[in-house]
Amino acid sequence: MLKDMNSETTFCEYYRQWVDVYKKGAIREATMSKYLMTQKWVEKLVPELKLCELSRSAYQQLLNDYAKEHERQTTLDFHHQLKGAILDAVDEGLLERDPTRKAIIKGKTPRTKKIKYLNQFELHTLIAHLDIKEETNWDWFILLVAKTGMRFSEALAITLGDFDFARQTLSISKTWDYKGEGGFLPTKNKSSVRKIQTDV
C-alpha cells in the first residue's frame, strides 16, 4: 500500500513509492535499474508537479521534454514505465482520468546502429580460427555460442548435466548473473527454457 498519498502528492514521490511497492523484489536488477532511471528523469523534469496537476497536456509535455534527449524507442519505454504507475493512481482514485491516453511519442532521430552480429562469412572464418583442444578452453565456449545462438548469460550457465550426448541436445533452463554477484538465475522468460539440437 502506498503511504500518505493524495492528489497533492508530487508525481515524482508517488512514482518513487510505486516502484518501491510494486517493482522492488519482483523484477530483475537490470529491469529495476531502468525503473530507477525513469524515476531520476521524472525528478529532474517535473520535481514539483503534483498528481492533481497531471493532465494530458502536462503528461505530454513531460514526454516531449524527455524526447528532446532520447530516441523514440527509449521515449516509448519511458512512457510505458510511467503509464503503469499512472493507471494504478487512477485505480486508487488519486487521478480522475488517465492522462496517458492518446499520448504522442516523439524522439530524436536514431543513431546509426552498430552491427552486433557476424555475417555468415565472418562466422565461418571465426570458427576456422578457433583453437579447439581436448581440454576445455574459451574457444569451446565461443564455438558453443556460435553453433547454438544462445544468449551470453545462458551459455555461461551451461553445466555438464545440461548436455544429452545420446540425443545430441542441450537443455537451456537457467542463466548466469554475470552483471551482478554471480550465481544462477531463471531464463529471461518461460519460452527461453528450451532444448537445442547440437551437431556434436
Protein backbone atom coordinates (compact mmCIF):
# COMPACT_ATOMS: atom_id res chain seq x y z
CA MET A 1 0.00 0.00 0.00
CA LEU A 2 1.33 3.44 -0.89
CA LYS A 3 1.56 5.58 2.23
CA ASP A 4 0.16 9.08 2.76
CA MET A 5 -0.73 9.61 -0.89
CA ASN A 6 -3.27 12.15 -2.04
CA SER A 7 -3.80 14.34 -5.07
CA GLU A 8 -1.42 16.97 -3.60
CA THR A 9 1.46 14.48 -3.54
CA THR A 10 4.13 15.18 -6.14
CA PHE A 11 4.14 12.80 -9.06
CA CYS A 12 7.83 12.00 -8.52
CA GLU A 13 7.13 10.97 -4.89
CA TYR A 14 4.17 8.84 -5.97
CA TYR A 15 6.27 7.17 -8.68
CA ARG A 16 9.16 6.56 -6.24
CA GLN A 17 6.85 4.80 -3.77
CA TRP A 18 5.06 2.91 -6.57
CA VAL A 19 8.39 1.48 -7.81
CA ASP A 20 9.31 0.54 -4.25
CA VAL A 21 5.99 -1.22 -3.55
CA TYR A 22 5.25 -2.89 -6.88
CA LYS A 23 8.61 -3.46 -8.55
CA LYS A 24 11.24 -3.93 -5.84
CA GLY A 25 11.96 -7.65 -5.44
CA ALA A 26 9.56 -8.60 -8.27
CA ILE A 27 11.74 -7.87 -11.31
CA ARG A 28 15.34 -8.47 -12.33
CA GLU A 29 18.03 -6.00 -11.31
CA ALA A 30 18.59 -4.90 -14.91
CA THR A 31 14.88 -4.06 -15.30
CA MET A 32 14.78 -2.40 -11.88
CA SER A 33 17.66 -0.12 -12.90
CA LYS A 34 15.52 1.08 -15.84
CA TYR A 35 12.65 1.97 -13.49
CA LEU A 36 15.08 3.82 -11.23
CA MET A 37 16.47 5.72 -14.22
CA THR A 38 12.91 6.69 -15.19
CA GLN A 39 12.42 7.88 -11.59
CA LYS A 40 15.52 10.08 -11.85
CA TRP A 41 14.23 11.64 -15.07
CA VAL A 42 10.83 12.37 -13.50
CA GLU A 43 12.60 14.03 -10.56
CA LYS A 44 14.73 16.06 -12.98
CA LEU A 45 11.97 17.12 -15.39
CA VAL A 46 8.94 17.63 -13.11
CA PRO A 47 10.15 17.79 -9.50
CA GLU A 48 7.22 19.94 -8.31
CA LEU A 49 4.38 18.51 -10.45
CA LYS A 50 1.53 17.32 -8.20
CA LEU A 51 -0.71 14.38 -9.04
CA CYS A 52 -3.70 16.75 -9.25
CA GLU A 53 -1.80 18.73 -11.94
CA LEU A 54 -1.07 15.66 -14.06
CA SER A 55 -3.33 16.46 -17.02
CA ARG A 56 -2.96 15.09 -20.54
CA SER A 57 -1.11 18.23 -21.61
CA ALA A 58 1.22 18.13 -18.57
CA TYR A 59 1.98 14.47 -19.27
CA GLN A 60 2.56 15.15 -22.96
CA GLN A 61 4.94 17.98 -22.05
CA LEU A 62 6.86 15.58 -19.78
CA LEU A 63 7.20 13.12 -22.68
CA ASN A 64 8.21 15.91 -25.07
CA ASP A 65 10.92 17.15 -22.70
CA TYR A 66 12.23 13.62 -22.26
CA ALA A 67 12.15 13.04 -26.05
CA LYS A 68 14.46 16.02 -26.65
CA GLU A 69 17.36 13.93 -25.38
CA HIS A 70 16.24 10.41 -26.28
CA GLU A 71 15.33 8.32 -29.31
CA ARG A 72 11.69 7.42 -29.95
CA GLN A 73 12.03 3.81 -28.68
CA THR A 74 13.61 4.98 -25.42
CA THR A 75 10.81 7.54 -25.01
CA LEU A 76 8.26 4.77 -25.61
CA ASP A 77 9.87 2.66 -22.87
CA PHE A 78 9.80 5.69 -20.53
CA HIS A 79 6.09 6.16 -21.33
CA HIS A 80 5.27 2.50 -20.61
CA GLN A 81 7.01 2.61 -17.23
CA LEU A 82 5.18 5.78 -16.22
CA LYS A 83 1.86 4.53 -17.55
CA GLY A 84 1.86 1.52 -15.19
CA ALA A 85 2.15 3.80 -12.18
CA ILE A 86 -0.38 6.32 -13.51
CA LEU A 87 -3.03 3.67 -14.20
CA ASP A 88 -2.64 2.48 -10.61
CA ALA A 89 -3.09 6.08 -9.43
CA VAL A 90 -6.35 6.20 -11.42
CA ASP A 91 -7.46 2.88 -9.86
CA GLU A 92 -6.67 4.25 -6.38
CA GLY A 93 -8.76 7.36 -7.02
CA LEU A 94 -5.77 9.72 -6.89
CA LEU A 95 -6.39 10.75 -10.51
CA GLU A 96 -9.82 11.15 -12.10
CA ARG A 97 -8.72 10.28 -15.65
CA ASP A 98 -5.84 8.57 -17.40
CA PRO A 99 -3.56 11.41 -18.64
CA THR A 100 -1.52 8.95 -20.73
CA ARG A 101 -4.45 8.32 -23.12
CA LYS A 102 -3.59 9.23 -26.73
CA ALA A 103 -0.06 10.31 -25.76
CA ILE A 104 2.16 11.11 -28.74
CA ILE A 105 5.61 9.53 -28.63
CA LYS A 106 8.42 11.61 -30.13
CA GLY A 107 12.17 11.30 -30.04
CA LYS A 108 15.50 12.16 -31.60
CA THR A 109 16.48 10.61 -34.92
CA PRO A 110 18.04 7.22 -34.15
CA ARG A 111 21.81 6.95 -34.41
CA THR A 112 23.27 4.54 -36.91
CA LYS A 113 23.31 1.28 -35.00
CA LYS A 114 26.46 -0.76 -34.70
CA ILE A 115 26.13 -4.21 -36.23
CA LYS A 116 26.01 -6.66 -33.32
CA TYR A 117 26.31 -9.90 -35.23
CA LEU A 118 28.65 -11.66 -37.62
CA ASN A 119 27.68 -12.39 -41.19
CA GLN A 120 27.99 -15.98 -42.43
CA PHE A 121 31.47 -15.48 -43.89
CA GLU A 122 32.75 -13.84 -40.67
CA LEU A 123 31.24 -16.63 -38.57
CA HIS A 124 32.89 -19.38 -40.65
CA THR A 125 36.21 -17.51 -40.51
CA LEU A 126 35.94 -17.22 -36.71
CA ILE A 127 35.12 -20.91 -36.28
CA ALA A 128 38.01 -21.89 -38.58
CA HIS A 129 40.45 -19.96 -36.38
CA LEU A 130 39.29 -21.39 -33.04
CA ASP A 131 41.88 -23.41 -31.15
CA ILE A 132 39.74 -26.43 -30.20
CA LYS A 133 41.81 -28.67 -27.96
CA GLU A 134 40.93 -31.76 -25.98
CA GLU A 135 40.79 -29.83 -22.73
CA THR A 136 38.11 -27.17 -22.31
CA ASN A 137 39.07 -23.57 -23.11
CA TRP A 138 37.27 -20.33 -24.06
CA ASP A 139 37.35 -21.29 -27.73
CA TRP A 140 34.93 -24.13 -26.89
CA PHE A 141 32.64 -21.52 -25.34
CA ILE A 142 32.79 -19.36 -28.48
CA LEU A 143 32.02 -22.42 -30.62
CA LEU A 144 29.04 -23.29 -28.40
CA VAL A 145 27.56 -19.78 -28.73
CA ALA A 146 28.27 -19.68 -32.48
CA LYS A 147 26.62 -23.05 -33.12
CA THR A 148 23.56 -22.57 -30.88
CA GLY A 149 22.85 -18.82 -30.98
CA MET A 150 22.09 -18.84 -27.26
CA ARG A 151 22.36 -15.72 -25.14
CA PHE A 152 25.71 -14.99 -23.47
CA SER A 153 24.23 -15.37 -19.96
CA GLU A 154 22.64 -18.70 -20.96
CA ALA A 155 25.93 -20.03 -22.29
CA LEU A 156 27.75 -19.03 -19.10
CA ALA A 157 25.21 -21.07 -17.09
CA ILE A 158 25.68 -24.33 -19.04
CA THR A 159 26.82 -27.28 -16.94
CA LEU A 160 27.76 -30.81 -17.98
CA GLY A 161 24.33 -32.03 -16.83
CA ASP A 162 22.67 -29.85 -19.50
CA PHE A 163 24.14 -31.98 -22.31
CA ASP A 164 22.34 -35.10 -23.53
CA PHE A 165 25.02 -36.66 -25.70
CA ALA A 166 22.86 -39.66 -26.67
CA ARG A 167 20.15 -37.42 -28.18
CA GLN A 168 22.60 -34.67 -29.19
CA THR A 169 20.60 -31.99 -27.34
CA LEU A 170 21.43 -29.19 -24.95
CA SER A 171 18.93 -28.02 -22.32
CA ILE A 172 18.67 -24.28 -21.67
CA SER A 173 16.98 -23.74 -18.31
CA LYS A 174 18.95 -21.03 -16.50
CA THR A 175 21.26 -18.04 -16.90
CA TRP A 176 24.34 -16.81 -15.07
CA ASP A 177 24.24 -13.44 -13.29
CA TYR A 178 27.46 -12.04 -14.77
CA LYS A 179 26.44 -8.40 -14.24
CA GLY A 180 25.61 -8.81 -10.55
CA GLU A 181 27.02 -11.00 -7.81
CA GLY A 182 27.17 -14.22 -9.82
CA GLY A 183 25.01 -17.30 -9.42
CA PHE A 184 22.28 -18.96 -11.42
CA LEU A 185 19.12 -17.06 -12.39
CA PRO A 186 15.98 -18.06 -14.30
CA THR A 187 15.92 -17.56 -18.05
CA LYS A 188 14.66 -14.26 -19.49
CA ASN A 189 11.14 -15.69 -19.87
CA LYS A 190 9.36 -19.08 -19.88
CA SER A 191 9.73 -19.53 -23.64
CA SER A 192 13.52 -19.23 -23.21
CA VAL A 193 13.53 -22.64 -21.49
CA ARG A 194 14.22 -24.97 -24.39
CA LYS A 195 16.24 -27.83 -25.85
CA ILE A 196 18.70 -27.11 -28.66
CA GLN A 197 19.82 -29.73 -31.15
CA THR A 198 23.61 -29.91 -31.38
CA ASP A 199 25.84 -31.40 -34.07
CA VAL A 200 28.42 -32.86 -31.71
